[in-house]
N, C-alpha and C. Protein backbone atom coordinates (compact mmCIF):
# COMPACT_ATOMS: atom_id res chain seq x y z
N MET A 1 -142.68 73.04 -247.61
CA MET A 1 -141.29 72.91 -248.03
C MET A 1 -140.40 72.94 -246.80
N ILE A 2 -139.45 72.04 -246.76
CA ILE A 2 -138.53 72.00 -245.63
C ILE A 2 -137.20 72.63 -246.02
N SER A 3 -136.50 73.13 -245.02
CA SER A 3 -135.18 73.73 -245.23
C SER A 3 -134.10 72.74 -244.81
N VAL A 4 -133.09 72.62 -245.64
CA VAL A 4 -131.98 71.71 -245.40
C VAL A 4 -130.68 72.50 -245.52
N LEU A 5 -129.79 72.33 -244.54
CA LEU A 5 -128.47 72.94 -244.61
C LEU A 5 -127.54 72.01 -245.36
N SER A 6 -126.70 72.57 -246.22
CA SER A 6 -125.78 71.72 -246.99
C SER A 6 -124.37 72.27 -246.92
N ASP A 7 -123.41 71.36 -246.96
CA ASP A 7 -122.00 71.73 -246.98
C ASP A 7 -121.28 70.76 -247.90
N ARG A 8 -120.27 71.24 -248.56
CA ARG A 8 -119.44 70.42 -249.44
C ARG A 8 -118.11 70.21 -248.73
N ILE A 9 -117.76 68.94 -248.50
CA ILE A 9 -116.57 68.59 -247.74
C ILE A 9 -115.56 67.94 -248.68
N GLU A 10 -114.36 68.51 -248.73
CA GLU A 10 -113.30 67.92 -249.55
C GLU A 10 -112.71 66.72 -248.80
N THR A 11 -112.56 65.60 -249.51
CA THR A 11 -111.98 64.39 -248.93
C THR A 11 -110.97 63.80 -249.93
N PRO A 12 -110.15 62.86 -249.49
CA PRO A 12 -109.23 62.19 -250.42
C PRO A 12 -109.94 61.43 -251.54
N LEU A 13 -111.23 61.17 -251.36
CA LEU A 13 -112.01 60.43 -252.35
C LEU A 13 -112.86 61.33 -253.24
N GLY A 14 -112.70 62.62 -253.08
CA GLY A 14 -113.54 63.58 -253.79
C GLY A 14 -114.50 64.23 -252.81
N PRO A 15 -115.19 65.26 -253.26
CA PRO A 15 -116.08 65.99 -252.36
C PRO A 15 -117.29 65.18 -251.93
N LEU A 16 -117.67 65.38 -250.69
CA LEU A 16 -118.90 64.82 -250.13
C LEU A 16 -119.90 65.96 -249.95
N LEU A 17 -121.16 65.67 -250.19
CA LEU A 17 -122.22 66.62 -249.92
C LEU A 17 -122.90 66.20 -248.63
N LEU A 18 -122.86 67.07 -247.63
CA LEU A 18 -123.47 66.81 -246.33
C LEU A 18 -124.78 67.59 -246.26
N LEU A 19 -125.85 66.94 -245.81
CA LEU A 19 -127.15 67.57 -245.63
C LEU A 19 -127.58 67.38 -244.18
N ALA A 20 -128.04 68.46 -243.57
CA ALA A 20 -128.47 68.40 -242.17
C ALA A 20 -129.77 69.17 -242.00
N ARG A 21 -130.54 68.71 -241.04
CA ARG A 21 -131.80 69.37 -240.69
C ARG A 21 -131.99 69.25 -239.19
N ASP A 22 -132.15 70.36 -238.53
CA ASP A 22 -132.38 70.39 -237.08
C ASP A 22 -131.28 69.65 -236.32
N GLY A 23 -130.04 69.79 -236.75
CA GLY A 23 -128.91 69.18 -236.05
C GLY A 23 -128.70 67.71 -236.35
N VAL A 24 -129.48 67.15 -237.26
CA VAL A 24 -129.41 65.73 -237.59
C VAL A 24 -128.89 65.58 -239.02
N LEU A 25 -127.95 64.66 -239.20
CA LEU A 25 -127.42 64.36 -240.53
C LEU A 25 -128.48 63.58 -241.30
N ILE A 26 -128.91 64.12 -242.44
CA ILE A 26 -129.94 63.43 -243.23
C ILE A 26 -129.40 62.96 -244.58
N GLY A 27 -128.19 63.35 -244.91
CA GLY A 27 -127.59 62.90 -246.16
C GLY A 27 -126.10 63.11 -246.15
N LEU A 28 -125.37 62.14 -246.68
CA LEU A 28 -123.93 62.24 -246.86
C LEU A 28 -123.58 61.38 -248.07
N GLU A 29 -123.39 62.03 -249.20
CA GLU A 29 -123.15 61.34 -250.46
C GLU A 29 -122.00 62.00 -251.19
N PHE A 30 -121.31 61.24 -252.02
CA PHE A 30 -120.26 61.83 -252.84
C PHE A 30 -120.90 62.77 -253.85
N ASP A 31 -120.25 63.90 -254.05
CA ASP A 31 -120.81 64.99 -254.84
C ASP A 31 -120.90 64.67 -256.33
N ASP A 32 -120.27 63.59 -256.78
CA ASP A 32 -120.37 63.25 -258.20
C ASP A 32 -121.64 62.45 -258.50
N GLN A 33 -122.50 62.28 -257.48
CA GLN A 33 -123.76 61.58 -257.67
C GLN A 33 -124.92 62.43 -257.17
N PRO A 34 -125.09 63.63 -257.74
CA PRO A 34 -126.13 64.53 -257.24
C PRO A 34 -127.54 63.96 -257.41
N TRP A 35 -127.71 63.06 -258.34
CA TRP A 35 -129.03 62.46 -258.55
C TRP A 35 -129.49 61.67 -257.32
N ARG A 36 -128.54 61.04 -256.61
CA ARG A 36 -128.92 60.29 -255.40
C ARG A 36 -129.46 61.23 -254.33
N VAL A 37 -128.78 62.35 -254.16
CA VAL A 37 -129.20 63.33 -253.15
C VAL A 37 -130.56 63.89 -253.51
N ALA A 38 -130.73 64.30 -254.76
CA ALA A 38 -132.01 64.88 -255.21
C ALA A 38 -133.13 63.86 -255.06
N ARG A 39 -132.88 62.60 -255.44
CA ARG A 39 -133.90 61.56 -255.32
C ARG A 39 -134.30 61.35 -253.86
N ASP A 40 -133.30 61.23 -252.99
CA ASP A 40 -133.60 60.98 -251.58
C ASP A 40 -134.39 62.12 -250.96
N LEU A 41 -134.02 63.35 -251.25
CA LEU A 41 -134.77 64.50 -250.71
C LEU A 41 -136.19 64.52 -251.23
N ARG A 42 -136.38 64.26 -252.52
CA ARG A 42 -137.71 64.27 -253.12
C ARG A 42 -138.58 63.17 -252.51
N ILE A 43 -138.03 61.98 -252.36
CA ILE A 43 -138.79 60.86 -251.78
C ILE A 43 -139.20 61.18 -250.35
N ARG A 44 -138.28 61.71 -249.58
CA ARG A 44 -138.54 61.93 -248.16
C ARG A 44 -139.42 63.13 -247.87
N PHE A 45 -139.17 64.23 -248.56
CA PHE A 45 -139.80 65.48 -248.16
C PHE A 45 -140.68 66.12 -249.23
N GLY A 46 -140.73 65.55 -250.41
CA GLY A 46 -141.47 66.19 -251.49
C GLY A 46 -140.68 67.38 -252.00
N SER A 47 -140.87 68.51 -251.38
CA SER A 47 -140.10 69.68 -251.80
C SER A 47 -139.22 70.14 -250.64
N SER A 48 -138.03 70.58 -251.01
CA SER A 48 -137.08 71.05 -250.01
C SER A 48 -136.24 72.16 -250.63
N GLU A 49 -135.68 72.96 -249.78
CA GLU A 49 -134.79 74.02 -250.23
C GLU A 49 -133.48 73.87 -249.48
N ARG A 50 -132.38 73.86 -250.24
CA ARG A 50 -131.07 73.71 -249.62
C ARG A 50 -130.42 75.07 -249.44
N PHE A 51 -129.83 75.24 -248.25
CA PHE A 51 -129.12 76.47 -247.92
C PHE A 51 -127.67 76.12 -247.61
N PRO A 52 -126.71 76.70 -248.34
CA PRO A 52 -125.31 76.43 -248.04
C PRO A 52 -124.98 76.89 -246.62
N ALA A 53 -124.23 76.07 -245.91
CA ALA A 53 -123.84 76.40 -244.53
C ALA A 53 -122.42 75.90 -244.31
N ASP A 54 -121.66 76.63 -243.54
CA ASP A 54 -120.30 76.24 -243.21
C ASP A 54 -120.32 75.39 -241.95
N ASN A 55 -120.03 74.09 -242.08
CA ASN A 55 -119.94 73.19 -240.94
C ASN A 55 -121.22 73.17 -240.10
N PRO A 56 -122.37 72.85 -240.70
CA PRO A 56 -123.62 72.87 -239.94
C PRO A 56 -123.57 71.93 -238.73
N HIS A 57 -123.86 72.51 -237.58
CA HIS A 57 -123.93 71.76 -236.31
C HIS A 57 -122.63 71.01 -235.99
N GLY A 58 -121.51 71.46 -236.55
CA GLY A 58 -120.22 70.81 -236.32
C GLY A 58 -120.06 69.48 -237.04
N LEU A 59 -121.02 69.12 -237.87
CA LEU A 59 -121.00 67.81 -238.53
C LEU A 59 -119.88 67.69 -239.56
N SER A 60 -119.63 68.74 -240.31
CA SER A 60 -118.59 68.68 -241.34
C SER A 60 -117.22 68.44 -240.72
N ASP A 61 -116.95 69.10 -239.60
CA ASP A 61 -115.67 68.89 -238.93
C ASP A 61 -115.50 67.45 -238.46
N ARG A 62 -116.58 66.82 -238.05
CA ARG A 62 -116.50 65.43 -237.61
C ARG A 62 -116.20 64.49 -238.79
N ILE A 63 -116.76 64.80 -239.95
CA ILE A 63 -116.46 64.00 -241.14
C ILE A 63 -115.00 64.20 -241.54
N ARG A 64 -114.54 65.43 -241.51
CA ARG A 64 -113.13 65.71 -241.83
C ARG A 64 -112.20 64.97 -240.87
N ALA A 65 -112.56 64.94 -239.60
CA ALA A 65 -111.75 64.25 -238.59
C ALA A 65 -111.65 62.75 -238.91
N TYR A 66 -112.75 62.16 -239.34
CA TYR A 66 -112.73 60.75 -239.75
C TYR A 66 -111.69 60.54 -240.85
N PHE A 67 -111.71 61.39 -241.86
CA PHE A 67 -110.76 61.23 -242.97
C PHE A 67 -109.33 61.50 -242.53
N ALA A 68 -109.16 62.25 -241.45
CA ALA A 68 -107.82 62.51 -240.90
C ALA A 68 -107.36 61.38 -239.98
N GLY A 69 -108.20 60.36 -239.78
CA GLY A 69 -107.82 59.21 -238.98
C GLY A 69 -108.47 59.10 -237.62
N ASP A 70 -109.32 60.06 -237.25
CA ASP A 70 -110.04 59.99 -235.98
C ASP A 70 -111.38 59.28 -236.22
N PHE A 71 -111.35 57.96 -236.19
CA PHE A 71 -112.53 57.18 -236.54
C PHE A 71 -113.67 57.35 -235.54
N LYS A 72 -113.35 57.66 -234.32
CA LYS A 72 -114.39 57.85 -233.30
C LYS A 72 -115.20 59.13 -233.54
N ALA A 73 -114.68 60.03 -234.37
CA ALA A 73 -115.36 61.31 -234.62
C ALA A 73 -116.75 61.12 -235.21
N ILE A 74 -116.97 60.03 -235.94
CA ILE A 74 -118.28 59.85 -236.57
C ILE A 74 -119.22 58.99 -235.73
N GLU A 75 -118.71 58.44 -234.63
CA GLU A 75 -119.59 57.66 -233.76
C GLU A 75 -120.63 58.58 -233.14
N ASN A 76 -121.80 58.10 -233.01
CA ASN A 76 -122.88 58.81 -232.33
C ASN A 76 -123.31 60.10 -233.02
N ILE A 77 -122.98 60.27 -234.29
CA ILE A 77 -123.54 61.40 -235.03
C ILE A 77 -125.03 61.10 -235.22
N PRO A 78 -125.89 62.01 -234.80
CA PRO A 78 -127.32 61.76 -235.01
C PRO A 78 -127.62 61.75 -236.51
N SER A 79 -128.26 60.70 -236.97
CA SER A 79 -128.58 60.59 -238.40
C SER A 79 -129.99 60.06 -238.58
N ASP A 80 -130.58 60.45 -239.68
CA ASP A 80 -131.92 59.98 -240.04
C ASP A 80 -131.98 59.88 -241.55
N GLY A 81 -131.94 58.67 -242.05
CA GLY A 81 -131.99 58.46 -243.49
C GLY A 81 -133.38 58.25 -244.03
N GLY A 82 -134.41 58.40 -243.17
CA GLY A 82 -135.77 58.14 -243.63
C GLY A 82 -135.93 56.65 -243.87
N GLY A 83 -136.44 56.28 -245.03
CA GLY A 83 -136.53 54.88 -245.42
C GLY A 83 -137.74 54.15 -244.87
N THR A 84 -137.87 52.90 -245.32
CA THR A 84 -138.93 52.03 -244.84
C THR A 84 -138.54 51.48 -243.46
N GLU A 85 -139.48 50.82 -242.83
CA GLU A 85 -139.17 50.21 -241.52
C GLU A 85 -138.02 49.21 -241.65
N PHE A 86 -138.05 48.38 -242.70
CA PHE A 86 -136.98 47.40 -242.90
C PHE A 86 -135.64 48.09 -243.13
N GLN A 87 -135.62 49.12 -243.98
CA GLN A 87 -134.37 49.85 -244.23
C GLN A 87 -133.82 50.44 -242.94
N ARG A 88 -134.69 51.02 -242.13
CA ARG A 88 -134.23 51.61 -240.86
C ARG A 88 -133.64 50.54 -239.94
N ARG A 89 -134.22 49.35 -239.95
CA ARG A 89 -133.68 48.26 -239.13
C ARG A 89 -132.30 47.85 -239.63
N VAL A 90 -132.15 47.75 -240.95
CA VAL A 90 -130.84 47.41 -241.52
C VAL A 90 -129.83 48.49 -241.16
N TRP A 91 -130.20 49.76 -241.35
CA TRP A 91 -129.27 50.86 -241.09
C TRP A 91 -128.88 50.92 -239.62
N ALA A 92 -129.81 50.57 -238.74
CA ALA A 92 -129.48 50.53 -237.30
C ALA A 92 -128.43 49.44 -237.04
N GLU A 93 -128.55 48.30 -237.72
CA GLU A 93 -127.55 47.23 -237.57
C GLU A 93 -126.20 47.68 -238.12
N LEU A 94 -126.21 48.42 -239.23
CA LEU A 94 -124.96 48.90 -239.80
C LEU A 94 -124.21 49.78 -238.80
N LYS A 95 -124.95 50.59 -238.06
CA LYS A 95 -124.30 51.49 -237.10
C LYS A 95 -123.63 50.73 -235.96
N LEU A 96 -123.96 49.45 -235.80
CA LEU A 96 -123.34 48.64 -234.75
C LEU A 96 -122.01 48.04 -235.19
N ILE A 97 -121.69 48.13 -236.48
CA ILE A 97 -120.44 47.55 -236.98
C ILE A 97 -119.30 48.51 -236.66
N PRO A 98 -118.37 48.11 -235.81
CA PRO A 98 -117.28 49.02 -235.45
C PRO A 98 -116.31 49.24 -236.61
N CYS A 99 -115.62 50.32 -236.53
CA CYS A 99 -114.57 50.64 -237.48
C CYS A 99 -113.54 49.50 -237.46
N GLY A 100 -113.09 49.09 -238.64
CA GLY A 100 -112.09 48.03 -238.72
C GLY A 100 -112.67 46.64 -238.77
N VAL A 101 -114.00 46.53 -238.86
CA VAL A 101 -114.68 45.23 -238.88
C VAL A 101 -115.58 45.19 -240.10
N THR A 102 -115.66 44.02 -240.74
CA THR A 102 -116.61 43.82 -241.82
C THR A 102 -117.55 42.68 -241.47
N VAL A 103 -118.74 42.72 -242.04
CA VAL A 103 -119.72 41.64 -241.88
C VAL A 103 -120.35 41.40 -243.25
N SER A 104 -121.03 40.28 -243.39
CA SER A 104 -121.70 39.97 -244.66
C SER A 104 -123.16 40.39 -244.59
N TYR A 105 -123.77 40.45 -245.77
CA TYR A 105 -125.20 40.74 -245.84
C TYR A 105 -125.98 39.67 -245.08
N GLY A 106 -125.53 38.43 -245.20
CA GLY A 106 -126.18 37.33 -244.49
C GLY A 106 -126.09 37.48 -242.98
N ASP A 107 -124.95 37.98 -242.49
CA ASP A 107 -124.81 38.21 -241.05
C ASP A 107 -125.88 39.19 -240.56
N ILE A 108 -126.09 40.24 -241.32
CA ILE A 108 -127.09 41.24 -240.92
C ILE A 108 -128.49 40.63 -241.01
N ALA A 109 -128.75 39.87 -242.06
CA ALA A 109 -130.06 39.21 -242.20
C ALA A 109 -130.34 38.33 -240.98
N LYS A 110 -129.34 37.57 -240.55
CA LYS A 110 -129.50 36.73 -239.36
C LYS A 110 -129.81 37.56 -238.13
N ARG A 111 -129.11 38.69 -237.98
CA ARG A 111 -129.34 39.57 -236.84
C ARG A 111 -130.77 40.11 -236.84
N LEU A 112 -131.33 40.27 -238.03
CA LEU A 112 -132.69 40.78 -238.16
C LEU A 112 -133.73 39.68 -238.00
N GLY A 113 -133.26 38.44 -237.83
CA GLY A 113 -134.18 37.33 -237.60
C GLY A 113 -134.65 36.61 -238.85
N ASP A 114 -134.07 36.92 -240.01
CA ASP A 114 -134.45 36.25 -241.25
C ASP A 114 -133.21 35.95 -242.08
N PRO A 115 -132.60 34.79 -241.86
CA PRO A 115 -131.36 34.45 -242.56
C PRO A 115 -131.49 34.42 -244.08
N THR A 116 -132.73 34.37 -244.60
CA THR A 116 -132.93 34.34 -246.05
C THR A 116 -133.02 35.74 -246.66
N ALA A 117 -132.88 36.77 -245.87
CA ALA A 117 -133.11 38.14 -246.33
C ALA A 117 -131.84 38.87 -246.77
N SER A 118 -130.78 38.13 -247.11
CA SER A 118 -129.53 38.81 -247.44
C SER A 118 -129.66 39.72 -248.66
N ARG A 119 -130.45 39.34 -249.65
CA ARG A 119 -130.63 40.22 -250.81
C ARG A 119 -131.40 41.48 -250.43
N ALA A 120 -132.41 41.34 -249.60
CA ALA A 120 -133.15 42.52 -249.14
C ALA A 120 -132.25 43.43 -248.33
N VAL A 121 -131.37 42.84 -247.53
CA VAL A 121 -130.39 43.63 -246.78
C VAL A 121 -129.49 44.38 -247.76
N GLY A 122 -129.06 43.71 -248.82
CA GLY A 122 -128.23 44.35 -249.83
C GLY A 122 -128.93 45.54 -250.48
N LEU A 123 -130.21 45.38 -250.77
CA LEU A 123 -130.97 46.49 -251.37
C LEU A 123 -131.09 47.65 -250.40
N ALA A 124 -131.38 47.36 -249.14
CA ALA A 124 -131.47 48.42 -248.13
C ALA A 124 -130.12 49.10 -247.95
N ASN A 125 -129.07 48.31 -247.95
CA ASN A 125 -127.72 48.84 -247.83
C ASN A 125 -127.43 49.83 -248.96
N GLY A 126 -127.85 49.47 -250.17
CA GLY A 126 -127.63 50.32 -251.33
C GLY A 126 -128.43 51.60 -251.33
N ARG A 127 -129.49 51.67 -250.54
CA ARG A 127 -130.32 52.87 -250.47
C ARG A 127 -129.95 53.77 -249.30
N ASN A 128 -128.91 53.43 -248.57
CA ASN A 128 -128.47 54.22 -247.43
C ASN A 128 -128.03 55.62 -247.88
N PRO A 129 -128.73 56.68 -247.45
CA PRO A 129 -128.36 58.03 -247.87
C PRO A 129 -127.33 58.71 -246.97
N VAL A 130 -126.89 58.01 -245.94
CA VAL A 130 -125.95 58.61 -244.98
C VAL A 130 -124.69 57.75 -244.95
N SER A 131 -123.99 57.73 -246.09
CA SER A 131 -122.82 56.86 -246.19
C SER A 131 -121.76 57.26 -245.16
N ILE A 132 -120.88 56.37 -244.89
CA ILE A 132 -119.75 56.49 -243.97
C ILE A 132 -120.23 56.51 -242.52
N VAL A 133 -121.13 57.42 -242.16
CA VAL A 133 -121.65 57.48 -240.78
C VAL A 133 -122.51 56.26 -240.50
N VAL A 134 -123.35 55.87 -241.44
CA VAL A 134 -124.04 54.59 -241.41
C VAL A 134 -123.21 53.72 -242.36
N PRO A 135 -122.28 52.94 -241.79
CA PRO A 135 -121.16 52.38 -242.57
C PRO A 135 -121.50 51.21 -243.48
N CYS A 136 -122.24 51.49 -244.52
CA CYS A 136 -122.60 50.45 -245.49
C CYS A 136 -121.37 49.89 -246.19
N HIS A 137 -120.27 50.63 -246.19
CA HIS A 137 -119.04 50.14 -246.83
C HIS A 137 -118.43 48.97 -246.07
N ARG A 138 -118.85 48.73 -244.84
CA ARG A 138 -118.30 47.63 -244.04
C ARG A 138 -119.02 46.30 -244.29
N VAL A 139 -119.96 46.29 -245.22
CA VAL A 139 -120.70 45.06 -245.54
C VAL A 139 -120.13 44.48 -246.83
N ILE A 140 -119.82 43.19 -246.77
CA ILE A 140 -119.16 42.51 -247.90
C ILE A 140 -119.91 41.22 -248.23
N GLY A 141 -119.51 40.58 -249.31
CA GLY A 141 -120.10 39.31 -249.68
C GLY A 141 -119.75 38.21 -248.69
N ALA A 142 -120.54 37.15 -248.68
CA ALA A 142 -120.35 36.05 -247.73
C ALA A 142 -118.98 35.40 -247.88
N ASN A 143 -118.41 35.43 -249.08
CA ASN A 143 -117.11 34.80 -249.31
C ASN A 143 -115.95 35.79 -249.17
N GLY A 144 -116.24 36.97 -248.61
CA GLY A 144 -115.19 37.96 -248.38
C GLY A 144 -114.94 38.91 -249.53
N THR A 145 -115.74 38.82 -250.59
CA THR A 145 -115.53 39.71 -251.73
C THR A 145 -116.14 41.08 -251.47
N LEU A 146 -115.50 42.08 -252.06
CA LEU A 146 -116.06 43.42 -252.03
C LEU A 146 -117.21 43.46 -253.02
N THR A 147 -118.35 43.88 -252.55
CA THR A 147 -119.53 43.97 -253.41
C THR A 147 -119.99 45.41 -253.43
N GLY A 148 -121.05 45.69 -254.16
CA GLY A 148 -121.53 47.03 -254.44
C GLY A 148 -121.40 48.06 -253.33
N TYR A 149 -121.18 49.28 -253.78
CA TYR A 149 -121.14 50.45 -252.89
C TYR A 149 -121.59 51.64 -253.73
N GLY A 150 -122.52 52.43 -253.20
CA GLY A 150 -123.06 53.56 -253.95
C GLY A 150 -122.00 54.51 -254.45
N GLY A 151 -120.92 54.66 -253.72
CA GLY A 151 -119.84 55.55 -254.12
C GLY A 151 -118.84 54.90 -255.06
N GLY A 152 -119.05 53.61 -255.36
CA GLY A 152 -118.14 52.88 -256.24
C GLY A 152 -117.17 52.02 -255.46
N LEU A 153 -116.81 50.88 -256.02
CA LEU A 153 -115.92 49.94 -255.33
C LEU A 153 -114.54 50.50 -255.01
N PRO A 154 -113.94 51.34 -255.86
CA PRO A 154 -112.64 51.91 -255.46
C PRO A 154 -112.74 52.72 -254.16
N ARG A 155 -113.83 53.43 -253.98
CA ARG A 155 -114.00 54.19 -252.72
C ARG A 155 -114.23 53.24 -251.54
N LYS A 156 -115.02 52.20 -251.76
CA LYS A 156 -115.24 51.23 -250.69
C LYS A 156 -113.91 50.62 -250.25
N LYS A 157 -113.11 50.25 -251.22
CA LYS A 157 -111.80 49.66 -250.95
C LYS A 157 -110.94 50.64 -250.15
N TRP A 158 -110.94 51.90 -250.55
CA TRP A 158 -110.14 52.91 -249.86
C TRP A 158 -110.63 53.09 -248.42
N LEU A 159 -111.95 53.19 -248.23
CA LEU A 159 -112.50 53.38 -246.89
C LEU A 159 -112.12 52.22 -245.97
N LEU A 160 -112.25 51.00 -246.47
CA LEU A 160 -111.90 49.83 -245.65
C LEU A 160 -110.41 49.82 -245.32
N ALA A 161 -109.58 50.11 -246.30
CA ALA A 161 -108.13 50.17 -246.04
C ALA A 161 -107.81 51.28 -245.05
N HIS A 162 -108.48 52.41 -245.19
CA HIS A 162 -108.30 53.55 -244.26
C HIS A 162 -108.61 53.13 -242.83
N GLU A 163 -109.59 52.24 -242.67
CA GLU A 163 -110.00 51.76 -241.35
C GLU A 163 -109.16 50.57 -240.88
N GLY A 164 -108.17 50.17 -241.67
CA GLY A 164 -107.26 49.12 -241.24
C GLY A 164 -107.63 47.72 -241.68
N ILE A 165 -108.58 47.58 -242.59
CA ILE A 165 -108.98 46.27 -243.08
C ILE A 165 -107.99 45.82 -244.15
N LEU A 166 -107.51 44.60 -244.05
CA LEU A 166 -106.59 44.05 -245.04
C LEU A 166 -107.37 43.62 -246.27
N ILE A 167 -106.93 44.10 -247.44
CA ILE A 167 -107.61 43.78 -248.69
C ILE A 167 -106.59 43.19 -249.65
N SER A 168 -106.97 42.08 -250.27
CA SER A 168 -106.12 41.45 -251.27
C SER A 168 -106.94 41.34 -252.55
N GLY A 169 -106.60 42.13 -253.54
CA GLY A 169 -107.41 42.18 -254.76
C GLY A 169 -108.76 42.78 -254.44
N ASP A 170 -109.80 42.00 -254.65
CA ASP A 170 -111.15 42.44 -254.31
C ASP A 170 -111.74 41.58 -253.20
N ARG A 171 -110.88 41.12 -252.30
CA ARG A 171 -111.32 40.29 -251.18
C ARG A 171 -110.76 40.85 -249.88
N ILE A 172 -111.50 40.60 -248.83
CA ILE A 172 -111.06 40.98 -247.50
C ILE A 172 -110.11 39.90 -247.00
N GLY A 173 -108.99 40.34 -246.43
CA GLY A 173 -108.01 39.39 -245.93
C GLY A 173 -108.55 38.50 -244.84
N LYS A 174 -109.21 39.07 -243.87
CA LYS A 174 -109.79 38.29 -242.78
C LYS A 174 -111.09 38.97 -242.38
N GLN A 175 -112.17 38.21 -242.40
CA GLN A 175 -113.46 38.76 -242.03
C GLN A 175 -113.72 38.46 -240.56
N HIS A 176 -114.15 39.46 -239.84
CA HIS A 176 -114.47 39.29 -238.43
C HIS A 176 -115.89 38.76 -238.29
N ASP A 177 -116.14 38.04 -237.25
CA ASP A 177 -117.48 37.54 -236.97
C ASP A 177 -118.04 38.37 -235.82
N LEU A 178 -118.56 39.51 -236.14
CA LEU A 178 -119.01 40.47 -235.15
C LEU A 178 -120.22 39.99 -234.36
N PHE A 179 -121.15 39.33 -235.03
CA PHE A 179 -122.44 39.06 -234.41
C PHE A 179 -122.54 37.70 -233.73
N ASN A 180 -121.52 36.86 -233.84
CA ASN A 180 -121.60 35.53 -233.20
C ASN A 180 -120.59 35.41 -232.09
């Protein structure tokens, strides 16, 4: 059985549950979806025990700083979401997307060397257990539409607007071409 430190962080979007192990962020999910956290821990570790901790390894303060407008606070947070080799490759690409920039699932598929893998990228994106720090919310549809987000589309919309992305209805005002 492994030990995991947990903290509940209040945000404008509702509480986030932060999970850390050995100084590494292993989970960051909205607290209204406890099934995602339980599933991810069970898949990764079999059995685990959570211990409440106040600001484990300073990680909670960095998340709070992000919500206060210090977007650089979440850069370089050590994270490990587990996952398959393909998921880890997708999540590594997500971490390259700067704050204030969006890319499509197809863009990431191309970066991974398989332009036909946009659906697989979408599935990996949806299984990301370290939201916000591994910024799956910055991935949108090829035509600029806001598409799925584990925390719900209203939260995705809020996060993108918080980062300065122009949104009109359910579309991004201008999509950046980060990878070309």
